[in-house]
Each structure stands twice: as structure tokens, then as C-alpha cells.
Amino acid sequence: TGSSPTDHPGYVGSFGDEGHDDGKFTFPNGLATDT
């Protein structure tokens, strides 16, 4: 994110892919982070 809330975010990349193995998702939904 930028210094201003309306600044266009810079895309870094993505993680995960469709599947059932570790590190893969099937229709993920919610997300949270911690410190």
C-alpha cells in the first residue's frame, strides 16, 4: 500500500494454487494476519 489510502497498490505476487495438498486451496474465503 502507498502513503495515501487512495494510492494504487503495488502488486507483489500471489501464493497458493488450486488443490488439496499443503499450500494449496479449494475456494478459500476469509483471511486474517497477526503481528
Full PDB file with SEQRES, HELIX, SHEET, SSBOND, CRYST1, ORIGX, SCALE, CONECT and MASTER records, all heavy atoms in Angstrom:
SEQRES   1 A   35  THR GLY SER SER PRO THR ASP HIS PRO GLY TYR VAL GLY          
SEQRES   2 A   35  SER PHE GLY ASP GLU GLY HIS ASP ASP GLY LYS PHE THR          
SEQRES   3 A   35  PHE PRO ASN GLY LEU ALA THR ASP THR                          
CRYST1    1.000    1.000    1.000  90.00  90.00  90.00 P 1           1          
ORIGX1      1.000000  0.000000  0.000000        0.00000                         
ORIGX2      0.000000  1.000000  0.000000        0.00000                         
ORIGX3      0.000000  0.000000  1.000000        0.00000                         
SCALE1      1.000000  0.000000  0.000000        0.00000                         
SCALE2      0.000000  1.000000  0.000000        0.00000                         
SCALE3      0.000000  0.000000  1.000000        0.00000                         
ATOM      1  N   THR A   1       0.838  -1.195   0.000  1.00  0.00           N  
ATOM      2  CA  THR A   1       0.000   0.000   0.000  1.00  0.00           C  
ATOM      3  C   THR A   1       0.875   1.248   0.000  1.00  0.00           C  
ATOM      4  O   THR A   1       2.041   1.219   0.412  1.00  0.00           O  
ATOM      5  CB  THR A   1      -0.922   0.019   1.225  1.00  0.00           C  
ATOM      6  OG1 THR A   1      -0.129  -0.092   2.418  1.00  0.00           O  
ATOM      7  CG2 THR A   1      -1.908  -1.141   1.181  1.00  0.00           C  
ATOM      8  N   GLY A   2       0.289   2.356  -0.443  1.00  0.00           N  
ATOM      9  CA  GLY A   2       1.014   3.607  -0.511  1.00  0.00           C  
ATOM     10  C   GLY A   2       0.824   4.445   0.737  1.00  0.00           C  
ATOM     11  O   GLY A   2       0.194   4.027   1.719  1.00  0.00           O  
ATOM     12  N   SER A   3       1.360   5.658   0.709  1.00  0.00           N  
ATOM     13  CA  SER A   3       1.251   6.547   1.861  1.00  0.00           C  
ATOM     14  C   SER A   3      -0.148   7.118   2.005  1.00  0.00           C  
ATOM     15  O   SER A   3      -0.591   7.453   3.099  1.00  0.00           O  
ATOM     16  CB  SER A   3       2.263   7.694   1.736  1.00  0.00           C  
ATOM     17  OG  SER A   3       2.067   8.395   0.508  1.00  0.00           O  
ATOM     18  N   SER A   4      -0.863   7.217   0.889  1.00  0.00           N  
ATOM     19  CA  SER A   4      -2.238   7.704   0.908  1.00  0.00           C  
ATOM     20  C   SER A   4      -3.184   6.532   0.684  1.00  0.00           C  
ATOM     21  O   SER A   4      -2.876   5.621  -0.099  1.00  0.00           O  
ATOM     22  CB  SER A   4      -2.443   8.754  -0.186  1.00  0.00           C  
ATOM     23  OG  SER A   4      -3.822   9.089  -0.311  1.00  0.00           O  
ATOM     24  N   PRO A   5      -4.356   6.520   1.356  1.00  0.00           N  
ATOM     25  CA  PRO A   5      -5.283   5.389   1.192  1.00  0.00           C  
ATOM     26  C   PRO A   5      -5.714   5.147  -0.246  1.00  0.00           C  
ATOM     27  O   PRO A   5      -6.034   4.015  -0.615  1.00  0.00           O  
ATOM     28  CB  PRO A   5      -6.478   5.790   2.066  1.00  0.00           C  
ATOM     29  CG  PRO A   5      -5.913   6.704   3.092  1.00  0.00           C  
ATOM     30  CD  PRO A   5      -4.825   7.454   2.395  1.00  0.00           C  
ATOM     31  N   THR A   6      -5.733   6.201  -1.068  1.00  0.00           N  
ATOM     32  CA  THR A   6      -6.187   6.036  -2.451  1.00  0.00           C  
ATOM     33  C   THR A   6      -5.049   5.730  -3.418  1.00  0.00           C  
ATOM     34  O   THR A   6      -5.285   5.580  -4.614  1.00  0.00           O  
ATOM     35  CB  THR A   6      -6.936   7.297  -2.917  1.00  0.00           C  
ATOM     36  OG1 THR A   6      -6.085   8.437  -2.752  1.00  0.00           O  
ATOM     37  CG2 THR A   6      -8.218   7.490  -2.122  1.00  0.00           C  
ATOM     38  N   ASP A   7      -3.812   5.655  -2.916  1.00  0.00           N  
ATOM     39  CA  ASP A   7      -2.694   5.287  -3.792  1.00  0.00           C  
ATOM     40  C   ASP A   7      -2.923   3.894  -4.367  1.00  0.00           C  
ATOM     41  O   ASP A   7      -3.352   2.975  -3.664  1.00  0.00           O  
ATOM     42  CB  ASP A   7      -1.368   5.297  -3.023  1.00  0.00           C  
ATOM     43  CG  ASP A   7      -0.887   6.710  -2.724  1.00  0.00           C  
ATOM     44  OD1 ASP A   7      -1.439   7.654  -3.317  1.00  0.00           O  
ATOM     45  OD2 ASP A   7       0.023   6.857  -1.895  1.00  0.00           O  
ATOM     46  N   HIS A   8      -2.582   3.746  -5.631  1.00  0.00           N  
ATOM     47  CA  HIS A   8      -2.763   2.439  -6.276  1.00  0.00           C  
ATOM     48  C   HIS A   8      -1.806   1.427  -5.656  1.00  0.00           C  
ATOM     49  O   HIS A   8      -0.598   1.664  -5.625  1.00  0.00           O  
ATOM     50  CB  HIS A   8      -2.513   2.555  -7.772  1.00  0.00           C  
ATOM     51  CG  HIS A   8      -2.956   1.363  -8.549  1.00  0.00           C  
ATOM     52  ND1 HIS A   8      -4.259   1.185  -8.978  1.00  0.00           N  
ATOM     53  CD2 HIS A   8      -2.287   0.268  -8.960  1.00  0.00           C  
ATOM     54  CE1 HIS A   8      -4.350   0.040  -9.627  1.00  0.00           C  
ATOM     55  NE2 HIS A   8      -3.164  -0.532  -9.630  1.00  0.00           N  
ATOM     56  N   PRO A   9      -2.289   0.314  -5.138  1.00  0.00           N  
ATOM     57  CA  PRO A   9      -1.389  -0.673  -4.513  1.00  0.00           C  
ATOM     58  C   PRO A   9      -0.435  -1.283  -5.532  1.00  0.00           C  
ATOM     59  O   PRO A   9      -0.782  -1.471  -6.699  1.00  0.00           O  
ATOM     60  CB  PRO A   9      -2.365  -1.729  -3.960  1.00  0.00           C  
ATOM     61  CG  PRO A   9      -3.701  -1.059  -3.916  1.00  0.00           C  
ATOM     62  CD  PRO A   9      -3.700  -0.084  -5.042  1.00  0.00           C  
ATOM     63  N   GLY A  10       0.760  -1.591  -5.065  1.00  0.00           N  
ATOM     64  CA  GLY A  10       1.735  -2.248  -5.932  1.00  0.00           C  
ATOM     65  C   GLY A  10       1.606  -3.762  -5.817  1.00  0.00           C  
ATOM     66  O   GLY A  10       1.657  -4.315  -4.721  1.00  0.00           O  
ATOM     67  N   TYR A  11       1.436  -4.416  -6.936  1.00  0.00           N  
ATOM     68  CA  TYR A  11       1.260  -5.874  -6.919  1.00  0.00           C  
ATOM     69  C   TYR A  11       2.595  -6.561  -6.730  1.00  0.00           C  
ATOM     70  O   TYR A  11       3.568  -6.300  -7.444  1.00  0.00           O  
ATOM     71  CB  TYR A  11       0.615  -6.340  -8.224  1.00  0.00           C  
ATOM     72  CG  TYR A  11       0.389  -7.834  -8.291  1.00  0.00           C  
ATOM     73  CD1 TYR A  11      -0.378  -8.481  -7.330  1.00  0.00           C  
ATOM     74  CD2 TYR A  11       0.947  -8.596  -9.321  1.00  0.00           C  
ATOM     75  CE1 TYR A  11      -0.591  -9.845  -7.388  1.00  0.00           C  
ATOM     76  CE2 TYR A  11       0.727  -9.955  -9.395  1.00  0.00           C  
ATOM     77  CZ  TYR A  11      -0.036 -10.580  -8.421  1.00  0.00           C  
ATOM     78  OH  TYR A  11      -0.243 -11.943  -8.480  1.00  0.00           O  
ATOM     79  N   VAL A  12       2.670  -7.442  -5.737  1.00  0.00           N  
ATOM     80  CA  VAL A  12       3.885  -8.194  -5.427  1.00  0.00           C  
ATOM     81  C   VAL A  12       3.837  -9.581  -6.055  1.00  0.00           C  
ATOM     82  O   VAL A  12       4.780 -10.037  -6.707  1.00  0.00           O  
ATOM     83  CB  VAL A  12       4.086  -8.307  -3.907  1.00  0.00           C  
ATOM     84  CG1 VAL A  12       5.297  -9.167  -3.582  1.00  0.00           C  
ATOM     85  CG2 VAL A  12       4.224  -6.914  -3.288  1.00  0.00           C  
ATOM     86  N   GLY A  13       2.721 -10.278  -5.860  1.00  0.00           N  
ATOM     87  CA  GLY A  13       2.587 -11.631  -6.378  1.00  0.00           C  
ATOM     88  C   GLY A  13       1.471 -12.360  -5.658  1.00  0.00           C  
ATOM     89  O   GLY A  13       0.721 -11.773  -4.876  1.00  0.00           O  
ATOM     90  N   SER A  14       1.352 -13.636  -5.906  1.00  0.00           N  
ATOM     91  CA  SER A  14       0.293 -14.437  -5.282  1.00  0.00           C  
ATOM     92  C   SER A  14       0.897 -15.709  -4.711  1.00  0.00           C  
ATOM     93  O   SER A  14       1.984 -16.132  -5.105  1.00  0.00           O  
ATOM     94  CB  SER A  14      -0.797 -14.782  -6.300  1.00  0.00           C  
ATOM     95  OG  SER A  14      -0.263 -15.569  -7.353  1.00  0.00           O  
ATOM     96  N   PHE A  15       0.178 -16.298  -3.775  1.00  0.00           N  
ATOM     97  CA  PHE A  15       0.619 -17.582  -3.235  1.00  0.00           C  
ATOM     98  C   PHE A  15      -0.578 -18.504  -3.106  1.00  0.00           C  
ATOM     99  O   PHE A  15      -1.708 -18.074  -2.913  1.00  0.00           O  
ATOM    100  CB  PHE A  15       1.356 -17.428  -1.906  1.00  0.00           C  
ATOM    101  CG  PHE A  15       0.588 -16.732  -0.804  1.00  0.00           C  
ATOM    102  CD1 PHE A  15      -0.155 -17.454   0.115  1.00  0.00           C  
ATOM    103  CD2 PHE A  15       0.645 -15.357  -0.667  1.00  0.00           C  
ATOM    104  CE1 PHE A  15      -0.843 -16.819   1.144  1.00  0.00           C  
ATOM    105  CE2 PHE A  15      -0.030 -14.713   0.356  1.00  0.00           C  
ATOM    106  CZ  PHE A  15      -0.785 -15.446   1.261  1.00  0.00           C  
ATOM    107  N   GLY A  16      -0.295 -19.794  -3.210  1.00  0.00           N  
ATOM    108  CA  GLY A  16      -1.359 -20.796  -3.228  1.00  0.00           C  
ATOM    109  C   GLY A  16      -1.757 -21.142  -4.651  1.00  0.00           C  
ATOM    110  O   GLY A  16      -1.423 -20.437  -5.610  1.00  0.00           O  
ATOM    111  N   ASP A  17      -2.470 -22.245  -4.774  1.00  0.00           N  
ATOM    112  CA  ASP A  17      -2.952 -22.713  -6.073  1.00  0.00           C  
ATOM    113  C   ASP A  17      -4.080 -23.693  -5.795  1.00  0.00           C  
ATOM    114  O   ASP A  17      -4.273 -24.133  -4.656  1.00  0.00           O  
ATOM    115  CB  ASP A  17      -1.824 -23.386  -6.845  1.00  0.00           C  
ATOM    116  CG  ASP A  17      -2.127 -23.522  -8.326  1.00  0.00           C  
ATOM    117  OD1 ASP A  17      -3.217 -23.068  -8.746  1.00  0.00           O  
ATOM    118  OD2 ASP A  17      -1.294 -24.077  -9.071  1.00  0.00           O  
ATOM    119  N   GLU A  18      -4.835 -24.042  -6.807  1.00  0.00           N  
ATOM    120  CA  GLU A  18      -5.965 -24.947  -6.598  1.00  0.00           C  
ATOM    121  C   GLU A  18      -5.468 -26.358  -6.306  1.00  0.00           C  
ATOM    122  O   GLU A  18      -4.584 -26.877  -6.981  1.00  0.00           O  
ATOM    123  CB  GLU A  18      -6.873 -24.961  -7.820  1.00  0.00           C  
ATOM    124  CG  GLU A  18      -8.111 -25.818  -7.630  1.00  0.00           C  
ATOM    125  CD  GLU A  18      -9.056 -25.775  -8.814  1.00  0.00           C  
ATOM    126  OE1 GLU A  18      -8.687 -25.182  -9.860  1.00  0.00           O  
ATOM    127  OE2 GLU A  18     -10.173 -26.331  -8.709  1.00  0.00           O  
ATOM    128  N   GLY A  19      -6.038 -26.967  -5.268  1.00  0.00           N  
ATOM    129  CA  GLY A  19      -5.668 -28.336  -4.951  1.00  0.00           C  
ATOM    130  C   GLY A  19      -5.954 -28.673  -3.507  1.00  0.00           C  
ATOM    131  O   GLY A  19      -6.545 -27.879  -2.761  1.00  0.00           O  
ATOM    132  N   HIS A  20      -5.530 -29.863  -3.106  1.00  0.00           N  
ATOM    133  CA  HIS A  20      -5.795 -30.365  -1.752  1.00  0.00           C  
ATOM    134  C   HIS A  20      -4.527 -30.571  -0.933  1.00  0.00           C  
ATOM    135  O   HIS A  20      -4.613 -30.833   0.260  1.00  0.00           O  
ATOM    136  CB  HIS A  20      -6.567 -31.690  -1.842  1.00  0.00           C  
ATOM    137  CG  HIS A  20      -7.819 -31.602  -2.678  1.00  0.00           C  
ATOM    138  ND1 HIS A  20      -8.932 -30.919  -2.260  1.00  0.00           N  
ATOM    139  CD2 HIS A  20      -8.117 -32.098  -3.911  1.00  0.00           C  
ATOM    140  CE1 HIS A  20      -9.887 -31.010  -3.195  1.00  0.00           C  
ATOM    141  NE2 HIS A  20      -9.400 -31.708  -4.206  1.00  0.00           N  
ATOM    142  N   ASP A  21      -3.374 -30.450  -1.551  1.00  0.00           N  
ATOM    143  CA  ASP A  21      -2.123 -30.654  -0.826  1.00  0.00           C  
ATOM    144  C   ASP A  21      -1.810 -29.453   0.061  1.00  0.00           C  
ATOM    145  O   ASP A  21      -2.448 -28.405  -0.022  1.00  0.00           O  
ATOM    146  CB  ASP A  21      -0.978 -30.890  -1.807  1.00  0.00           C  
ATOM    147  CG  ASP A  21      -1.161 -32.139  -2.655  1.00  0.00           C  
ATOM    148  OD1 ASP A  21      -1.852 -33.070  -2.172  1.00  0.00           O  
ATOM    149  OD2 ASP A  21      -0.641 -32.174  -3.782  1.00  0.00           O  
ATOM    150  N   ASP A  22      -0.791 -29.602   0.898  1.00  0.00           N  
ATOM    151  CA  ASP A  22      -0.333 -28.479   1.706  1.00  0.00           C  
ATOM    152  C   ASP A  22       0.053 -27.307   0.811  1.00  0.00           C  
ATOM    153  O   ASP A  22       0.723 -27.481  -0.216  1.00  0.00           O  
ATOM    154  CB  ASP A  22       0.877 -28.880   2.547  1.00  0.00           C  
ATOM    155  CG  ASP A  22       0.522 -29.867   3.652  1.00  0.00           C  
ATOM    156  OD1 ASP A  22      -0.683 -30.013   3.954  1.00  0.00           O  
ATOM    157  OD2 ASP A  22       1.448 -30.490   4.208  1.00  0.00           O  
ATOM    158  N   GLY A  23      -0.376 -26.121   1.223  1.00  0.00           N  
ATOM    159  CA  GLY A  23      -0.045 -24.937   0.439  1.00  0.00           C  
ATOM    160  C   GLY A  23      -0.945 -24.699  -0.749  1.00  0.00           C  
ATOM    161  O   GLY A  23      -0.681 -23.800  -1.556  1.00  0.00           O  
ATOM    162  N   LYS A  24      -2.014 -25.475  -0.860  1.00  0.00           N  
ATOM    163  CA  LYS A  24      -2.988 -25.263  -1.932  1.00  0.00           C  
ATOM    164  C   LYS A  24      -4.367 -25.010  -1.320  1.00  0.00           C  
ATOM    165  O   LYS A  24      -4.619 -25.346  -0.169  1.00  0.00           O  
ATOM    166  CB  LYS A  24      -3.016 -26.450  -2.887  1.00  0.00           C  
ATOM    167  CG  LYS A  24      -1.698 -26.633  -3.635  1.00  0.00           C  
ATOM    168  CD  LYS A  24      -1.807 -27.669  -4.737  1.00  0.00           C  
ATOM    169  CE  LYS A  24      -0.499 -27.744  -5.525  1.00  0.00           C  
ATOM    170  NZ  LYS A  24      -0.581 -28.703  -6.644  1.00  0.00           N  
ATOM    171  N   PHE A  25      -5.250 -24.395  -2.122  1.00  0.00           N  
ATOM    172  CA  PHE A  25      -6.579 -24.019  -1.646  1.00  0.00           C  
ATOM    173  C   PHE A  25      -7.653 -24.560  -2.574  1.00  0.00           C  
ATOM    174  O   PHE A  25      -7.420 -24.780  -3.767  1.00  0.00           O  
ATOM    175  CB  PHE A  25      -6.731 -22.488  -1.605  1.00  0.00           C  
ATOM    176  CG  PHE A  25      -5.700 -21.769  -0.788  1.00  0.00           C  
ATOM    177  CD1 PHE A  25      -4.818 -20.875  -1.384  1.00  0.00           C  
ATOM    178  CD2 PHE A  25      -5.617 -21.959   0.581  1.00  0.00           C  
ATOM    179  CE1 PHE A  25      -3.873 -20.185  -0.639  1.00  0.00           C  
ATOM    180  CE2 PHE A  25      -4.676 -21.272   1.340  1.00  0.00           C  
ATOM    181  CZ  PHE A  25      -3.807 -20.388   0.732  1.00  0.00           C  
ATOM    182  N   THR A  26      -8.840 -24.723  -1.991  1.00  0.00           N  
ATOM    183  CA  THR A  26     -10.024 -25.004  -2.788  1.00  0.00           C  
ATOM    184  C   THR A  26     -11.134 -24.088  -2.284  1.00  0.00           C  
ATOM    185  O   THR A  26     -11.680 -24.277  -1.214  1.00  0.00           O  
ATOM    186  CB  THR A  26     -10.454 -26.478  -2.678  1.00  0.00           C  
ATOM    187  OG1 THR A  26      -9.362 -27.322  -3.045  1.00  0.00           O  
ATOM    188  CG2 THR A  26     -11.646 -26.761  -3.580  1.00  0.00           C  
ATOM    189  N   PHE A  27     -11.393 -23.046  -3.052  1.00  0.00           N  
ATOM    190  CA  PHE A  27     -12.363 -21.996  -2.726  1.00  0.00           C  
ATOM    191  C   PHE A  27     -12.109 -21.411  -1.326  1.00  0.00           C  
ATOM    192  O   PHE A  27     -12.951 -21.492  -0.434  1.00  0.00           O  
ATOM    193  CB  PHE A  27     -13.795 -22.519  -2.840  1.00  0.00           C  
ATOM    194  CG  PHE A  27     -14.185 -22.881  -4.247  1.00  0.00           C  
ATOM    195  CD1 PHE A  27     -14.264 -24.209  -4.650  1.00  0.00           C  
ATOM    196  CD2 PHE A  27     -14.433 -21.886  -5.183  1.00  0.00           C  
ATOM    197  CE1 PHE A  27     -14.600 -24.543  -5.953  1.00  0.00           C  
ATOM    198  CE2 PHE A  27     -14.769 -22.216  -6.498  1.00  0.00           C  
ATOM    199  CZ  PHE A  27     -14.848 -23.545  -6.886  1.00  0.00           C  
ATOM    200  N   PRO A  28     -10.942 -20.794  -1.145  1.00  0.00           N  
ATOM    201  CA  PRO A  28     -10.671 -20.122   0.134  1.00  0.00           C  
ATOM    202  C   PRO A  28     -11.605 -18.927   0.300  1.00  0.00           C  
ATOM    203  O   PRO A  28     -12.145 -18.402  -0.683  1.00  0.00           O  
ATOM    204  CB  PRO A  28      -9.217 -19.682  -0.018  1.00  0.00           C  
ATOM    205  CG  PRO A  28      -9.035 -19.501  -1.495  1.00  0.00           C  
ATOM    206  CD  PRO A  28      -9.872 -20.583  -2.133  1.00  0.00           C  
ATOM    207  N   ASN A  29     -11.782 -18.479   1.530  1.00  0.00           N  
ATOM    208  CA  ASN A  29     -12.736 -17.395   1.763  1.00  0.00           C  
ATOM    209  C   ASN A  29     -12.164 -16.287   2.665  1.00  0.00           C  
ATOM    210  O   ASN A  29     -11.763 -15.256   2.183  1.00  0.00           O  
ATOM    211  CB  ASN A  29     -14.032 -17.946   2.351  1.00  0.00           C  
ATOM    212  CG  ASN A  29     -15.204 -17.006   2.151  1.00  0.00           C  
ATOM    213  OD1 ASN A  29     -15.792 -16.979   1.064  1.00  0.00           O  
ATOM    214  ND2 ASN A  29     -15.559 -16.227   3.153  1.00  0.00           N  
ATOM    215  N   GLY A  30     -12.115 -16.511   3.980  1.00  0.00           N  
ATOM    216  CA  GLY A  30     -11.658 -15.476   4.889  1.00  0.00           C  
ATOM    217  C   GLY A  30     -10.155 -15.471   5.077  1.00  0.00           C  
ATOM    218  O   GLY A  30      -9.457 -16.430   4.722  1.00  0.00           O  
ATOM    219  N   LEU A  31      -9.652 -14.373   5.666  1.00  0.00           N  
ATOM    220  CA  LEU A  31      -8.220 -14.231   5.864  1.00  0.00           C  
ATOM    221  C   LEU A  31      -7.962 -13.282   7.031  1.00  0.00           C  
ATOM    222  O   LEU A  31      -8.709 -12.332   7.253  1.00  0.00           O  
ATOM    223  CB  LEU A  31      -7.571 -13.696   4.588  1.00  0.00           C  
ATOM    224  CG  LEU A  31      -6.070 -13.399   4.589  1.00  0.00           C  
ATOM    225  CD1 LEU A  31      -5.473 -13.738   3.218  1.00  0.00           C  
ATOM    226  CD2 LEU A  31      -5.822 -11.935   4.880  1.00  0.00           C  
ATOM    227  N   ALA A  32      -6.904 -13.548   7.781  1.00  0.00           N  
ATOM    228  CA  ALA A  32      -6.505 -12.668   8.886  1.00  0.00           C  
ATOM    229  C   ALA A  32      -4.994 -12.723   9.034  1.00  0.00           C  
ATOM    230  O   ALA A  32      -4.336 -13.687   8.615  1.00  0.00           O  
ATOM    231  CB  ALA A  32      -7.182 -13.093  10.192  1.00  0.00           C  
ATOM    232  N   THR A  33      -4.422 -11.684   9.639  1.00  0.00           N  
ATOM    233  CA  THR A  33      -2.981 -11.639   9.917  1.00  0.00           C  
ATOM    234  C   THR A  33      -2.754 -11.306  11.384  1.00  0.00           C  
ATOM    235  O   THR A  33      -3.629 -10.779  12.058  1.00  0.00           O  
ATOM    236  CB  THR A  33      -2.285 -10.566   9.051  1.00  0.00           C  
ATOM    237  OG1 THR A  33      -2.823  -9.277   9.368  1.00  0.00           O  
ATOM    238  CG2 THR A  33      -2.491 -10.856   7.575  1.00  0.00           C  
ATOM    239  N   ASP A  34      -1.562 -11.624  11.871  1.00  0.00           N  
ATOM    240  CA  ASP A  34      -1.195 -11.223  13.231  1.00  0.00           C  
ATOM    241  C   ASP A  34       0.108 -10.427  13.187  1.00  0.00           C  
ATOM    242  O   ASP A  34       0.639 -10.150  12.100  1.00  0.00           O  
ATOM    243  CB  ASP A  34      -1.098 -12.423  14.173  1.00  0.00           C  
ATOM    244  CG  ASP A  34       0.034 -13.395  13.802  1.00  0.00           C  
ATOM    245  OD1 ASP A  34       0.915 -13.011  12.990  1.00  0.00           O  
ATOM    246  OD2 ASP A  34       0.047 -14.520  14.318  1.00  0.00           O  
ATOM    247  N   THR A  35       0.619 -10.054  14.338  1.00  0.00           N  
ATOM    248  CA  THR A  35       1.820  -9.224  14.394  1.00  0.00           C  
ATOM    249  C   THR A  35       3.104 -10.048  14.324  1.00  0.00           C  
ATOM    250  O   THR A  35       4.197  -9.486  14.429  1.00  0.00           O  
ATOM    251  CB  THR A  35       1.823  -8.386  15.681  1.00  0.00           C  
ATOM    252  OG1 THR A  35       1.731  -9.260  16.819  1.00  0.00           O  
ATOM    253  CG2 THR A  35       0.649  -7.426  15.697  1.00  0.00           C  
TER     254      THR A  35                                                      
MASTER        0    0    0    0    0    0    0    6  253    1    0    3          
END                                                                             
